[in-house]
Amino acid sequence: MAALSERLEALHPRNGNGSRSQINETNPPTGAELTNLLLLEMLQKQGEQLRLQNKQIQSLMEVKEKSAEEDNSYMFKRFASQNPPVYNGTPDPKTFEDWIRGMEKLFDAL
């Protein structure tokens, strides 16, 4: 409750000599002061929630990136284990077409 009265005190307007007047039972806060306090607390809670959500999103993204890396590694290992055809770069169209067909069959199998 002390924190609430401190916040209300901070929101209470200054009196004529520049100091803030005390908020107490005889000098209650105005409706505007209470509204400001509630808005301040809502904004603080929203900020906390956003920070928490940001941490959760970052954690999920890290897990997803790791999973994607593992998937890529797995697919490359599977591809390599199938002994893919090698194209030696000769300008013979038939050799090139055979290589293309061999690669297409391999990709279909994966």
N, C-alpha and C. Protein backbone atom coordinates (compact mmCIF):
# COMPACT_ATOMS: atom_id res chain seq x y z
N MET A 1 0.82 -1.19 0.00
CA MET A 1 0.00 0.00 0.00
C MET A 1 0.86 1.25 0.00
N ALA A 2 2.07 1.13 0.57
CA ALA A 2 2.96 2.29 0.58
C ALA A 2 3.34 2.69 -0.83
N ALA A 3 3.54 1.70 -1.70
CA ALA A 3 3.91 2.02 -3.08
C ALA A 3 2.79 2.76 -3.77
N LEU A 4 1.55 2.36 -3.49
CA LEU A 4 0.40 3.04 -4.09
C LEU A 4 0.34 4.49 -3.64
N SER A 5 0.51 4.73 -2.33
CA SER A 5 0.45 6.12 -1.86
C SER A 5 1.62 6.93 -2.40
N GLU A 6 2.78 6.29 -2.59
CA GLU A 6 3.93 7.01 -3.17
C GLU A 6 3.63 7.39 -4.61
N ARG A 7 3.01 6.48 -5.35
CA ARG A 7 2.66 6.80 -6.74
C ARG A 7 1.60 7.89 -6.79
N LEU A 8 0.62 7.78 -5.93
CA LEU A 8 -0.39 8.83 -5.89
C LEU A 8 0.23 10.17 -5.52
N GLU A 9 1.16 10.13 -4.58
CA GLU A 9 1.86 11.36 -4.15
C GLU A 9 2.59 11.98 -5.35
N ALA A 10 3.24 11.14 -6.14
CA ALA A 10 3.97 11.65 -7.29
C ALA A 10 3.04 12.26 -8.33
N LEU A 11 1.83 11.75 -8.41
CA LEU A 11 0.88 12.28 -9.38
C LEU A 11 0.12 13.50 -8.86
N HIS A 12 0.14 13.71 -7.56
CA HIS A 12 -0.60 14.82 -6.96
C HIS A 12 0.06 16.15 -7.35
N PRO A 13 -0.73 17.14 -7.72
CA PRO A 13 -0.15 18.41 -8.17
C PRO A 13 0.57 19.15 -7.06
N ARG A 14 1.48 19.99 -7.47
CA ARG A 14 2.25 20.80 -6.50
C ARG A 14 1.36 21.94 -5.97
N ASN A 15 1.63 22.30 -4.73
CA ASN A 15 0.89 23.44 -4.18
C ASN A 15 1.63 24.74 -4.52
N GLY A 16 1.20 25.83 -3.98
CA GLY A 16 1.74 27.15 -4.33
C GLY A 16 3.22 27.31 -4.07
N ASN A 17 3.80 26.67 -3.07
CA ASN A 17 5.22 26.87 -2.77
C ASN A 17 6.12 25.86 -3.51
N GLY A 18 5.57 25.08 -4.44
CA GLY A 18 6.38 24.18 -5.25
C GLY A 18 6.49 22.76 -4.72
N SER A 19 6.06 22.53 -3.50
CA SER A 19 6.10 21.16 -2.97
C SER A 19 4.77 20.48 -3.22
N ARG A 20 4.78 19.18 -3.15
CA ARG A 20 3.55 18.44 -3.36
C ARG A 20 2.80 18.34 -2.04
N SER A 21 1.50 18.52 -2.11
CA SER A 21 0.71 18.38 -0.90
C SER A 21 0.51 16.90 -0.59
N GLN A 22 0.32 16.57 0.64
CA GLN A 22 0.17 15.19 1.07
C GLN A 22 -1.18 14.63 0.62
N ILE A 23 -1.16 13.36 0.20
CA ILE A 23 -2.39 12.66 -0.11
C ILE A 23 -2.71 11.81 1.11
N ASN A 24 -3.85 12.00 1.67
CA ASN A 24 -4.28 11.21 2.82
C ASN A 24 -5.80 11.19 2.85
N GLU A 25 -6.36 10.71 3.93
CA GLU A 25 -7.81 10.60 4.01
C GLU A 25 -8.48 11.95 3.95
N THR A 26 -7.83 13.00 4.45
CA THR A 26 -8.45 14.33 4.41
C THR A 26 -8.20 15.02 3.07
N ASN A 27 -7.21 14.57 2.34
CA ASN A 27 -6.88 15.15 1.04
C ASN A 27 -6.77 14.01 0.02
N PRO A 28 -7.88 13.39 -0.37
CA PRO A 28 -7.83 12.24 -1.28
C PRO A 28 -7.44 12.65 -2.69
N PRO A 29 -6.94 11.68 -3.46
CA PRO A 29 -6.57 11.99 -4.85
C PRO A 29 -7.82 12.26 -5.69
N THR A 30 -7.63 13.03 -6.73
CA THR A 30 -8.75 13.34 -7.63
C THR A 30 -8.97 12.16 -8.57
N GLY A 31 -10.08 12.19 -9.26
CA GLY A 31 -10.39 11.14 -10.23
C GLY A 31 -9.34 11.06 -11.33
N ALA A 32 -8.85 12.22 -11.77
CA ALA A 32 -7.83 12.25 -12.82
C ALA A 32 -6.53 11.62 -12.33
N GLU A 33 -6.19 11.87 -11.06
CA GLU A 33 -4.97 11.28 -10.50
C GLU A 33 -5.09 9.76 -10.42
N LEU A 34 -6.26 9.29 -10.01
CA LEU A 34 -6.47 7.84 -9.96
C LEU A 34 -6.43 7.23 -11.36
N THR A 35 -7.03 7.92 -12.31
CA THR A 35 -7.01 7.44 -13.70
C THR A 35 -5.57 7.36 -14.20
N ASN A 36 -4.79 8.40 -13.93
CA ASN A 36 -3.38 8.39 -14.35
C ASN A 36 -2.61 7.25 -13.71
N LEU A 37 -2.87 6.99 -12.45
CA LEU A 37 -2.20 5.91 -11.75
C LEU A 37 -2.56 4.56 -12.35
N LEU A 38 -3.83 4.36 -12.61
CA LEU A 38 -4.27 3.10 -13.22
C LEU A 38 -3.66 2.91 -14.60
N LEU A 39 -3.63 3.98 -15.38
CA LEU A 39 -3.01 3.90 -16.71
C LEU A 39 -1.52 3.58 -16.60
N LEU A 40 -0.84 4.20 -15.65
CA LEU A 40 0.58 3.94 -15.44
C LEU A 40 0.82 2.48 -15.09
N GLU A 41 0.02 1.95 -14.17
CA GLU A 41 0.18 0.55 -13.78
C GLU A 41 -0.15 -0.39 -14.93
N MET A 42 -1.17 -0.07 -15.73
CA MET A 42 -1.50 -0.90 -16.90
C MET A 42 -0.35 -0.91 -17.89
N LEU A 43 0.24 0.25 -18.14
CA LEU A 43 1.36 0.33 -19.08
C LEU A 43 2.56 -0.46 -18.58
N GLN A 44 2.81 -0.40 -17.27
CA GLN A 44 3.93 -1.16 -16.71
C GLN A 44 3.68 -2.66 -16.86
N LYS A 45 2.46 -3.10 -16.60
CA LYS A 45 2.13 -4.53 -16.75
C LYS A 45 2.21 -4.96 -18.20
N GLN A 46 1.75 -4.11 -19.11
CA GLN A 46 1.85 -4.43 -20.53
C GLN A 46 3.30 -4.54 -20.96
N GLY A 47 4.14 -3.65 -20.44
CA GLY A 47 5.57 -3.72 -20.75
C GLY A 47 6.18 -5.02 -20.26
N GLU A 48 5.81 -5.43 -19.05
CA GLU A 48 6.31 -6.70 -18.52
C GLU A 48 5.84 -7.87 -19.38
N GLN A 49 4.57 -7.84 -19.80
CA GLN A 49 4.04 -8.90 -20.64
C GLN A 49 4.74 -8.94 -21.99
N LEU A 50 5.00 -7.78 -22.57
CA LEU A 50 5.70 -7.73 -23.86
C LEU A 50 7.12 -8.27 -23.74
N ARG A 51 7.81 -7.94 -22.64
CA ARG A 51 9.16 -8.48 -22.44
C ARG A 51 9.12 -10.01 -22.32
N LEU A 52 8.14 -10.53 -21.60
CA LEU A 52 8.00 -11.97 -21.44
C LEU A 52 7.67 -12.63 -22.78
N GLN A 53 6.76 -12.05 -23.54
CA GLN A 53 6.41 -12.59 -24.84
C GLN A 53 7.60 -12.56 -25.79
N ASN A 54 8.39 -11.50 -25.71
CA ASN A 54 9.57 -11.38 -26.57
C ASN A 54 10.56 -12.50 -26.25
N LYS A 55 10.76 -12.79 -24.96
CA LYS A 55 11.65 -13.89 -24.57
C LYS A 55 11.13 -15.21 -25.10
N GLN A 56 9.82 -15.43 -24.98
CA GLN A 56 9.23 -16.68 -25.46
C GLN A 56 9.38 -16.81 -26.97
N ILE A 57 9.15 -15.74 -27.70
CA ILE A 57 9.30 -15.76 -29.16
C ILE A 57 10.74 -16.05 -29.55
N GLN A 58 11.70 -15.42 -28.86
CA GLN A 58 13.10 -15.67 -29.16
C GLN A 58 13.45 -17.13 -28.91
N SER A 59 12.94 -17.70 -27.83
CA SER A 59 13.21 -19.11 -27.53
C SER A 59 12.64 -20.01 -28.62
N LEU A 60 11.41 -19.72 -29.04
CA LEU A 60 10.79 -20.52 -30.10
C LEU A 60 11.56 -20.40 -31.42
N MET A 61 12.03 -19.19 -31.72
CA MET A 61 12.79 -19.00 -32.96
C MET A 61 14.11 -19.77 -32.92
N GLU A 62 14.77 -19.79 -31.76
CA GLU A 62 16.01 -20.54 -31.63
C GLU A 62 15.77 -22.03 -31.82
N VAL A 63 14.68 -22.53 -31.24
CA VAL A 63 14.34 -23.95 -31.41
C VAL A 63 14.04 -24.25 -32.87
N LYS A 64 13.29 -23.36 -33.52
CA LYS A 64 12.94 -23.57 -34.93
C LYS A 64 14.18 -23.53 -35.82
N GLU A 65 15.08 -22.59 -35.56
CA GLU A 65 16.32 -22.51 -36.36
C GLU A 65 17.16 -23.76 -36.18
N LYS A 66 17.26 -24.24 -34.95
CA LYS A 66 18.03 -25.45 -34.68
C LYS A 66 17.40 -26.63 -35.39
N SER A 67 16.07 -26.71 -35.35
CA SER A 67 15.36 -27.80 -36.01
C SER A 67 15.58 -27.74 -37.52
N ALA A 68 15.53 -26.53 -38.09
CA ALA A 68 15.74 -26.38 -39.54
C ALA A 68 17.16 -26.79 -39.91
N GLU A 69 18.13 -26.43 -39.10
CA GLU A 69 19.52 -26.82 -39.37
C GLU A 69 19.66 -28.34 -39.33
N GLU A 70 19.01 -28.97 -38.34
CA GLU A 70 19.07 -30.42 -38.23
C GLU A 70 18.39 -31.08 -39.43
N ASP A 71 17.25 -30.52 -39.88
CA ASP A 71 16.55 -31.05 -41.05
C ASP A 71 17.42 -30.95 -42.29
N ASN A 72 18.07 -29.80 -42.47
CA ASN A 72 18.95 -29.62 -43.64
C ASN A 72 20.12 -30.59 -43.60
N SER A 73 20.69 -30.75 -42.43
CA SER A 73 21.82 -31.66 -42.28
C SER A 73 21.38 -33.09 -42.58
N TYR A 74 20.21 -33.46 -42.08
CA TYR A 74 19.69 -34.80 -42.30
C TYR A 74 19.45 -35.04 -43.79
N MET A 75 18.82 -34.07 -44.47
CA MET A 75 18.54 -34.24 -45.91
C MET A 75 19.83 -34.32 -46.72
N PHE A 76 20.82 -33.51 -46.36
CA PHE A 76 22.08 -33.58 -47.09
C PHE A 76 22.74 -34.95 -46.90
N LYS A 77 22.71 -35.46 -45.68
CA LYS A 77 23.30 -36.79 -45.41
C LYS A 77 22.57 -37.87 -46.20
N ARG A 78 21.24 -37.76 -46.23
CA ARG A 78 20.46 -38.74 -47.00
C ARG A 78 20.80 -38.66 -48.48
N PHE A 79 20.90 -37.42 -48.97
CA PHE A 79 21.24 -37.21 -50.39
C PHE A 79 22.61 -37.81 -50.70
N ALA A 80 23.57 -37.48 -49.87
CA ALA A 80 24.94 -37.96 -50.11
C ALA A 80 25.04 -39.48 -49.99
N SER A 81 24.23 -40.08 -49.12
CA SER A 81 24.30 -41.53 -48.93
C SER A 81 23.73 -42.29 -50.12
N GLN A 82 23.02 -41.62 -51.01
CA GLN A 82 22.42 -42.27 -52.19
C GLN A 82 23.38 -42.32 -53.38
N ASN A 83 24.62 -41.89 -53.16
CA ASN A 83 25.61 -41.85 -54.24
C ASN A 83 25.06 -41.15 -55.48
N PRO A 84 24.83 -39.83 -55.37
CA PRO A 84 24.24 -39.11 -56.50
C PRO A 84 25.15 -39.16 -57.73
N PRO A 85 24.54 -39.11 -58.91
CA PRO A 85 25.35 -39.12 -60.14
C PRO A 85 26.22 -37.88 -60.21
N VAL A 86 27.35 -38.04 -60.82
CA VAL A 86 28.30 -36.93 -60.94
C VAL A 86 28.35 -36.49 -62.40
N TYR A 87 28.24 -35.20 -62.59
CA TYR A 87 28.38 -34.65 -63.95
C TYR A 87 29.80 -34.12 -64.08
N ASN A 88 30.50 -34.61 -65.08
CA ASN A 88 31.90 -34.24 -65.22
C ASN A 88 32.12 -32.99 -66.07
N GLY A 89 31.04 -32.38 -66.54
CA GLY A 89 31.17 -31.12 -67.26
C GLY A 89 31.40 -31.25 -68.76
N THR A 90 31.33 -32.44 -69.31
CA THR A 90 31.53 -32.60 -70.75
C THR A 90 30.37 -31.96 -71.50
N PRO A 91 30.65 -31.45 -72.69
CA PRO A 91 29.61 -30.75 -73.45
C PRO A 91 28.64 -31.70 -74.18
N ASP A 92 28.68 -32.97 -73.90
CA ASP A 92 27.81 -33.94 -74.56
C ASP A 92 26.39 -33.82 -73.99
N PRO A 93 25.41 -33.46 -74.83
CA PRO A 93 24.03 -33.29 -74.35
C PRO A 93 23.44 -34.57 -73.76
N LYS A 94 23.78 -35.72 -74.32
CA LYS A 94 23.22 -36.97 -73.79
C LYS A 94 23.73 -37.24 -72.38
N THR A 95 25.00 -36.99 -72.14
CA THR A 95 25.56 -37.19 -70.80
C THR A 95 24.89 -36.24 -69.81
N PHE A 96 24.68 -35.01 -70.24
CA PHE A 96 24.03 -34.03 -69.36
C PHE A 96 22.59 -34.44 -69.05
N GLU A 97 21.84 -34.87 -70.08
CA GLU A 97 20.45 -35.30 -69.88
C GLU A 97 20.39 -36.53 -68.96
N ASP A 98 21.31 -37.45 -69.12
CA ASP A 98 21.36 -38.62 -68.23
C ASP A 98 21.60 -38.19 -66.79
N TRP A 99 22.48 -37.23 -66.60
CA TRP A 99 22.77 -36.73 -65.25
C TRP A 99 21.52 -36.08 -64.65
N ILE A 100 20.83 -35.27 -65.48
CA ILE A 100 19.60 -34.61 -65.02
C ILE A 100 18.57 -35.66 -64.60
N ARG A 101 18.36 -36.69 -65.45
CA ARG A 101 17.39 -37.75 -65.12
C ARG A 101 17.78 -38.48 -63.83
N GLY A 102 19.05 -38.75 -63.67
CA GLY A 102 19.52 -39.41 -62.44
C GLY A 102 19.26 -38.56 -61.20
N MET A 103 19.50 -37.26 -61.31
CA MET A 103 19.24 -36.35 -60.18
C MET A 103 17.74 -36.28 -59.88
N GLU A 104 16.90 -36.21 -60.93
CA GLU A 104 15.46 -36.15 -60.72
C GLU A 104 14.95 -37.41 -60.02
N LYS A 105 15.46 -38.57 -60.41
CA LYS A 105 15.07 -39.83 -59.76
C LYS A 105 15.49 -39.81 -58.28
N LEU A 106 16.67 -39.30 -58.03
CA LEU A 106 17.16 -39.23 -56.64
C LEU A 106 16.28 -38.30 -55.81
N PHE A 107 15.96 -37.13 -56.36
CA PHE A 107 15.12 -36.19 -55.61
C PHE A 107 13.71 -36.75 -55.39
N ASP A 108 13.19 -37.45 -56.38
CA ASP A 108 11.87 -38.07 -56.21
C ASP A 108 11.91 -39.11 -55.09
N ALA A 109 13.00 -39.86 -54.99
CA ALA A 109 13.14 -40.89 -53.97
C ALA A 109 13.26 -40.28 -52.58
N LEU A 110 13.88 -39.10 -52.50
CA LEU A 110 14.03 -38.46 -51.18
C LEU A 110 12.72 -37.87 -50.74
